Each structure stands twice: as C-alpha cells, then as structure tokens.
C-alpha cells in the first residue's frame, strides 16, 4: 500500500525539525562539487546529515509536489544507525523518525 503524500510530508517535516533541534542542520549550501557523488548516500563527497538535508529531504519533497511515485522501500534508517553511532549528537529521535519514514514505504 502506497503512503499518502500528506503523511510523508508530515514525516519529512518532522525529520527536518529534529535535525535543526539537535544542531545537525547546515545553513550554508554545499559546494557544487559535493553534488557529484558516486557512493550511496553521498558518502564520497558529504557527511550523511548533509545527504539527508541536501539530497534526501528535497528529493522526497519533490516527489510530494509532483505527485511522483515513492520507492517501494527505503533503508535510510539502517544507514543512519551506522552513521550516527559516533556522531556526538543525540540522534535517538531522528533515528526513530527515519525508521518511521522507512516503515511508511514498506507498509
């Protein structure tokens, strides 16, 4: 069953709010060359939280605006678990929100 756009939009908004709350949101834009990544989650040119902010969130919002199809699954929470293990941020709530996002797409 495909999630509705309103539910996904609310989850993405909550992810952004939590990233800002814990100080994981970057005000300055990425350098243009950072968008030229080849690795999953942009790992070769940016930090995972940058990928969330500059790639993941805008991409999901674009799918919402254009009413495009959502992918059949997401594994962003599993990557967050690996990435945030030593981040120094209190990411428990953010990881929960990312898992809830994944769960929406796999329902």
N, C-alpha and C. Protein backbone atom coordinates (compact mmCIF):
# COMPACT_ATOMS: atom_id res chain seq x y z
N UNK A 1 0.84 -1.18 0.00
CA UNK A 1 0.00 0.00 0.00
C UNK A 1 0.89 1.25 0.00
N UNK A 2 0.65 2.15 -0.90
CA UNK A 2 1.42 3.37 -1.02
C UNK A 2 0.96 4.39 0.03
N UNK A 3 1.91 5.02 0.72
CA UNK A 3 1.52 6.02 1.72
C UNK A 3 0.96 7.27 1.03
N UNK A 4 0.14 8.00 1.75
CA UNK A 4 -0.40 9.23 1.17
C UNK A 4 0.63 10.35 1.30
N UNK A 5 0.55 11.29 0.39
CA UNK A 5 1.52 12.38 0.32
C UNK A 5 1.53 13.24 1.58
N UNK A 6 0.38 13.46 2.16
CA UNK A 6 0.29 14.28 3.36
C UNK A 6 1.04 13.63 4.53
N UNK A 7 0.93 12.34 4.68
CA UNK A 7 1.62 11.62 5.75
C UNK A 7 3.13 11.68 5.56
N UNK A 8 3.58 11.47 4.33
CA UNK A 8 5.01 11.52 4.04
C UNK A 8 5.53 12.95 4.25
N UNK A 9 4.78 13.94 3.82
CA UNK A 9 5.18 15.33 4.00
C UNK A 9 5.33 15.66 5.49
N UNK A 10 4.41 15.21 6.30
CA UNK A 10 4.49 15.46 7.75
C UNK A 10 5.72 14.78 8.35
N UNK A 11 6.05 13.58 7.87
CA UNK A 11 7.22 12.87 8.40
C UNK A 11 8.50 13.58 8.00
N UNK A 12 8.59 14.04 6.77
CA UNK A 12 9.77 14.77 6.30
C UNK A 12 9.93 16.08 7.08
N UNK A 13 8.82 16.76 7.34
CA UNK A 13 8.88 18.00 8.14
C UNK A 13 9.40 17.70 9.54
N UNK A 14 8.95 16.61 10.13
CA UNK A 14 9.40 16.24 11.47
C UNK A 14 10.89 15.90 11.47
N UNK A 15 11.37 15.26 10.43
CA UNK A 15 12.80 14.94 10.31
C UNK A 15 13.61 16.24 10.24
N UNK A 16 13.17 17.18 9.42
CA UNK A 16 13.88 18.47 9.32
C UNK A 16 13.88 19.20 10.65
N UNK A 17 12.76 19.26 11.30
CA UNK A 17 12.66 19.94 12.61
C UNK A 17 13.61 19.31 13.61
N UNK A 18 13.67 17.99 13.64
CA UNK A 18 14.55 17.30 14.59
C UNK A 18 16.01 17.55 14.26
N UNK A 19 16.36 17.54 12.99
CA UNK A 19 17.75 17.84 12.61
C UNK A 19 18.15 19.24 13.06
N UNK A 20 17.25 20.18 12.90
CA UNK A 20 17.53 21.55 13.35
C UNK A 20 17.63 21.61 14.88
N UNK A 21 16.75 20.90 15.55
CA UNK A 21 16.73 20.93 17.02
C UNK A 21 18.03 20.41 17.62
N UNK A 22 18.60 19.38 17.02
CA UNK A 22 19.82 18.80 17.58
C UNK A 22 21.10 19.42 17.00
N UNK A 23 20.95 20.43 16.15
CA UNK A 23 22.11 21.12 15.61
C UNK A 23 22.77 20.42 14.44
N UNK A 24 22.01 19.62 13.73
CA UNK A 24 22.54 18.85 12.62
C UNK A 24 22.17 19.46 11.27
N UNK A 25 21.62 20.66 11.28
CA UNK A 25 21.19 21.33 10.05
C UNK A 25 22.26 22.35 9.67
N UNK A 26 22.63 22.38 8.41
CA UNK A 26 23.68 23.26 7.91
C UNK A 26 23.05 24.43 7.17
N UNK A 27 23.35 25.65 7.58
CA UNK A 27 22.76 26.82 6.94
C UNK A 27 23.39 27.14 5.59
N UNK A 28 24.69 26.93 5.47
CA UNK A 28 25.35 27.24 4.20
C UNK A 28 25.18 26.08 3.22
N UNK A 29 25.09 26.41 1.93
CA UNK A 29 24.88 25.36 0.93
C UNK A 29 26.13 24.51 0.75
N UNK A 30 25.93 23.36 0.13
CA UNK A 30 27.06 22.51 -0.23
C UNK A 30 27.86 23.18 -1.33
N UNK A 31 29.12 22.78 -1.45
CA UNK A 31 29.92 23.20 -2.59
C UNK A 31 29.41 22.43 -3.81
N UNK A 32 29.41 23.06 -4.97
CA UNK A 32 28.88 22.37 -6.17
C UNK A 32 29.47 20.99 -6.41
N UNK A 33 30.76 20.82 -6.15
CA UNK A 33 31.39 19.52 -6.40
C UNK A 33 30.90 18.42 -5.46
N UNK A 34 30.29 18.82 -4.33
CA UNK A 34 29.78 17.81 -3.41
C UNK A 34 28.56 17.08 -3.97
N UNK A 35 27.88 17.70 -4.93
CA UNK A 35 26.73 17.06 -5.56
C UNK A 35 27.15 15.99 -6.58
N UNK A 36 28.43 15.94 -6.88
CA UNK A 36 28.94 14.97 -7.85
C UNK A 36 29.40 13.71 -7.13
N UNK A 37 28.50 13.10 -6.40
CA UNK A 37 28.85 11.91 -5.63
C UNK A 37 28.57 10.64 -6.43
N UNK A 38 29.32 9.60 -6.08
CA UNK A 38 29.16 8.32 -6.75
C UNK A 38 28.78 7.21 -5.77
N UNK A 39 29.01 7.46 -4.50
CA UNK A 39 28.73 6.46 -3.48
C UNK A 39 27.31 6.61 -2.93
N UNK A 40 26.80 5.51 -2.42
CA UNK A 40 25.48 5.54 -1.77
C UNK A 40 25.48 6.57 -0.65
N UNK A 41 24.40 7.28 -0.53
CA UNK A 41 24.20 8.31 0.50
C UNK A 41 25.24 9.42 0.39
N UNK A 42 25.85 9.59 -0.78
CA UNK A 42 26.81 10.66 -0.99
C UNK A 42 28.06 10.56 -0.15
N UNK A 43 28.36 9.37 0.34
CA UNK A 43 29.44 9.18 1.31
C UNK A 43 30.80 9.62 0.81
N UNK A 44 30.99 9.71 -0.51
CA UNK A 44 32.30 10.09 -1.02
C UNK A 44 32.49 11.61 -1.10
N UNK A 45 31.43 12.39 -0.91
CA UNK A 45 31.59 13.85 -1.01
C UNK A 45 30.95 14.63 0.14
N UNK A 46 30.17 13.97 0.98
CA UNK A 46 29.47 14.71 2.04
C UNK A 46 29.18 13.80 3.22
N UNK A 47 28.92 14.43 4.35
CA UNK A 47 28.50 13.69 5.54
C UNK A 47 27.05 13.22 5.37
N UNK A 48 26.69 12.18 6.08
CA UNK A 48 25.35 11.62 5.96
C UNK A 48 24.27 12.66 6.28
N UNK A 49 24.49 13.49 7.31
CA UNK A 49 23.49 14.51 7.63
C UNK A 49 23.36 15.54 6.51
N UNK A 50 24.45 15.80 5.78
CA UNK A 50 24.35 16.68 4.62
C UNK A 50 23.53 16.01 3.53
N UNK A 51 23.73 14.71 3.34
CA UNK A 51 22.94 13.99 2.34
C UNK A 51 21.46 14.06 2.70
N UNK A 52 21.14 13.88 3.98
CA UNK A 52 19.74 13.98 4.40
C UNK A 52 19.18 15.36 4.06
N UNK A 53 19.92 16.40 4.41
CA UNK A 53 19.45 17.78 4.23
C UNK A 53 19.37 18.21 2.77
N UNK A 54 20.41 17.90 2.00
CA UNK A 54 20.52 18.46 0.66
C UNK A 54 20.07 17.52 -0.47
N UNK A 55 19.96 16.25 -0.20
CA UNK A 55 19.56 15.29 -1.23
C UNK A 55 18.24 14.61 -0.86
N UNK A 56 18.21 13.92 0.26
CA UNK A 56 17.05 13.12 0.65
C UNK A 56 15.79 13.97 0.85
N UNK A 57 15.85 14.94 1.73
CA UNK A 57 14.65 15.74 2.03
C UNK A 57 14.15 16.47 0.78
N UNK A 58 15.01 17.18 0.01
CA UNK A 58 14.49 17.82 -1.21
C UNK A 58 13.92 16.83 -2.22
N UNK A 59 14.53 15.66 -2.35
CA UNK A 59 14.03 14.66 -3.30
C UNK A 59 12.64 14.16 -2.90
N UNK A 60 12.46 13.88 -1.62
CA UNK A 60 11.14 13.43 -1.16
C UNK A 60 10.12 14.55 -1.33
N UNK A 61 10.51 15.76 -1.01
CA UNK A 61 9.57 16.89 -1.19
C UNK A 61 9.20 17.07 -2.66
N UNK A 62 10.15 16.84 -3.56
CA UNK A 62 9.85 16.93 -4.98
C UNK A 62 8.84 15.86 -5.39
N UNK A 63 8.99 14.65 -4.86
CA UNK A 63 8.02 13.59 -5.15
C UNK A 63 6.63 13.99 -4.66
N UNK A 64 6.57 14.66 -3.52
CA UNK A 64 5.29 15.09 -2.97
C UNK A 64 4.65 16.15 -3.86
N UNK A 65 5.43 17.16 -4.24
CA UNK A 65 4.91 18.26 -5.06
C UNK A 65 4.45 17.77 -6.43
N UNK A 66 5.23 16.90 -7.03
CA UNK A 66 4.90 16.42 -8.38
C UNK A 66 3.96 15.22 -8.37
N UNK A 67 3.63 14.76 -7.16
CA UNK A 67 2.79 13.57 -7.00
C UNK A 67 3.42 12.37 -7.70
N UNK A 68 4.75 12.34 -7.65
CA UNK A 68 5.50 11.24 -8.22
C UNK A 68 5.40 10.00 -7.35
N UNK A 69 5.78 8.87 -7.89
CA UNK A 69 5.71 7.63 -7.12
C UNK A 69 6.82 7.57 -6.07
N UNK A 70 6.50 7.03 -4.93
CA UNK A 70 7.50 6.77 -3.90
C UNK A 70 8.19 5.45 -4.22
N UNK A 71 9.44 5.30 -3.79
CA UNK A 71 10.09 4.00 -3.98
C UNK A 71 9.37 2.92 -3.18
N UNK A 72 9.56 1.69 -3.55
CA UNK A 72 8.86 0.59 -2.88
C UNK A 72 9.46 0.27 -1.52
N UNK A 73 10.66 0.80 -1.26
CA UNK A 73 11.27 0.61 0.05
C UNK A 73 12.30 1.70 0.30
N UNK A 74 12.67 1.84 1.55
CA UNK A 74 13.71 2.78 1.96
C UNK A 74 14.50 2.15 3.09
N UNK A 75 15.79 2.39 3.07
CA UNK A 75 16.67 1.88 4.12
C UNK A 75 17.50 2.98 4.75
N UNK A 76 16.95 4.18 4.77
CA UNK A 76 17.69 5.32 5.31
C UNK A 76 17.92 5.17 6.81
N UNK A 77 17.02 4.52 7.52
CA UNK A 77 17.19 4.35 8.97
C UNK A 77 18.37 3.44 9.29
N UNK A 78 18.56 2.39 8.50
CA UNK A 78 19.69 1.48 8.73
C UNK A 78 21.01 2.22 8.52
N UNK A 79 21.06 3.06 7.49
CA UNK A 79 22.27 3.84 7.26
C UNK A 79 22.48 4.85 8.39
N UNK A 80 21.41 5.45 8.86
CA UNK A 80 21.52 6.40 9.97
C UNK A 80 22.09 5.72 11.21
N UNK A 81 21.67 4.51 11.47
CA UNK A 81 22.18 3.77 12.62
C UNK A 81 23.70 3.61 12.52
N UNK A 82 24.18 3.27 11.33
CA UNK A 82 25.63 3.13 11.13
C UNK A 82 26.34 4.48 11.23
N UNK A 83 25.79 5.49 10.60
CA UNK A 83 26.44 6.79 10.54
C UNK A 83 26.44 7.54 11.87
N UNK A 84 25.36 7.43 12.60
CA UNK A 84 25.21 8.23 13.81
C UNK A 84 25.78 7.56 15.05
N UNK A 85 26.31 6.37 14.89
CA UNK A 85 26.85 5.62 16.03
C UNK A 85 27.88 6.44 16.80
N UNK A 86 28.68 7.22 16.10
CA UNK A 86 29.73 8.01 16.75
C UNK A 86 29.62 9.49 16.41
N UNK A 87 28.42 9.97 16.13
CA UNK A 87 28.25 11.34 15.66
C UNK A 87 28.43 12.41 16.74
N UNK A 88 28.21 12.05 17.99
CA UNK A 88 28.28 13.05 19.05
C UNK A 88 26.97 13.82 19.25
N UNK A 89 25.99 13.57 18.41
CA UNK A 89 24.67 14.19 18.53
C UNK A 89 23.72 13.21 19.21
N UNK A 90 22.69 13.75 19.85
CA UNK A 90 21.63 12.90 20.41
C UNK A 90 20.65 12.60 19.28
N UNK A 91 20.87 11.52 18.59
CA UNK A 91 20.11 11.21 17.38
C UNK A 91 18.99 10.19 17.58
N UNK A 92 18.69 9.83 18.80
CA UNK A 92 17.68 8.79 19.04
C UNK A 92 16.34 9.13 18.38
N UNK A 93 15.85 10.34 18.58
CA UNK A 93 14.57 10.74 17.99
C UNK A 93 14.66 10.80 16.47
N UNK A 94 15.76 11.33 15.95
CA UNK A 94 15.94 11.39 14.50
C UNK A 94 15.95 9.99 13.90
N UNK A 95 16.64 9.08 14.53
CA UNK A 95 16.67 7.70 14.04
C UNK A 95 15.28 7.08 14.07
N UNK A 96 14.51 7.39 15.10
CA UNK A 96 13.13 6.90 15.18
C UNK A 96 12.30 7.45 14.02
N UNK A 97 12.44 8.73 13.74
CA UNK A 97 11.68 9.35 12.64
C UNK A 97 12.08 8.75 11.29
N UNK A 98 13.36 8.51 11.10
CA UNK A 98 13.81 7.89 9.85
C UNK A 98 13.28 6.47 9.72
N UNK A 99 13.22 5.74 10.82
CA UNK A 99 12.63 4.40 10.79
C UNK A 99 11.14 4.47 10.46
N UNK A 100 10.46 5.44 11.02
CA UNK A 100 9.03 5.62 10.70
C UNK A 100 8.83 5.95 9.23
N UNK A 101 9.76 6.75 8.66
CA UNK A 101 9.70 7.04 7.23
C UNK A 101 9.85 5.75 6.44
N UNK A 102 10.88 4.97 6.77
CA UNK A 102 11.07 3.69 6.07
C UNK A 102 9.84 2.80 6.18
N UNK A 103 9.26 2.75 7.36
CA UNK A 103 8.07 1.93 7.59
C UNK A 103 6.90 2.36 6.72
N UNK A 104 6.77 3.67 6.46
CA UNK A 104 5.69 4.16 5.61
C UNK A 104 5.78 3.56 4.21
N UNK A 105 7.00 3.45 3.70
CA UNK A 105 7.18 2.96 2.34
C UNK A 105 7.10 1.45 2.24
N UNK A 106 7.22 0.77 3.35
CA UNK A 106 7.20 -0.68 3.32
C UNK A 106 5.91 -1.26 3.87
N UNK A 107 4.95 -0.38 4.08
CA UNK A 107 3.67 -0.83 4.64
C UNK A 107 2.84 -1.58 3.60
